[in-house]
Each structure stands twice: as structure tokens, then as C-alpha cells.
Protein backbone atom coordinates (compact mmCIF):
# COMPACT_ATOMS: atom_id res chain seq x y z
CA VAL A 1 -17.51 14.30 0.50
CA VAL A 2 -17.62 17.03 3.02
CA VAL A 3 -18.74 14.66 5.72
CA ASN A 4 -15.94 12.26 4.77
CA GLU A 5 -13.46 15.09 5.01
CA LYS A 6 -14.71 16.05 8.44
CA PHE A 7 -14.46 12.40 9.54
CA GLY A 8 -10.94 12.16 8.19
CA VAL A 9 -9.93 15.30 10.12
CA ARG A 10 -11.51 13.90 13.24
CA LEU A 11 -9.63 10.63 12.74
CA THR A 12 -6.33 12.43 12.28
CA ASP A 13 -7.09 14.64 15.31
CA ILE A 14 -7.48 11.54 17.43
CA ILE A 15 -4.60 9.51 15.91
CA SER A 16 -2.06 12.33 16.00
CA PRO A 17 -2.00 12.71 19.81
CA THR A 18 -2.01 8.93 20.22
CA GLU A 19 0.98 8.45 17.93
CA ARG A 20 2.84 11.22 19.75
CA VAL A 21 2.24 9.53 23.11
CA LYS A 22 3.46 6.24 21.59
CA GLN A 23 6.65 7.92 20.38
CA LEU A 24 7.21 9.58 23.73
CA ALA A 25 6.58 6.31 25.54
């Protein structure tokens, strides 16, 4: 569960900036 949580945080950390760039673009 802990590993899954870390993976989820990593995924969000990567997706968040990407989504922001898409919105700006």
C-alpha cells in the first residue's frame, strides 16, 4: 500500500505540471 501511495504521488507529480502546460498552451 505504501509503495502504491508513493507511485500515485509520483504519477500526480508528473501529471500535474503536464496538465498545467496543456492549459497554458
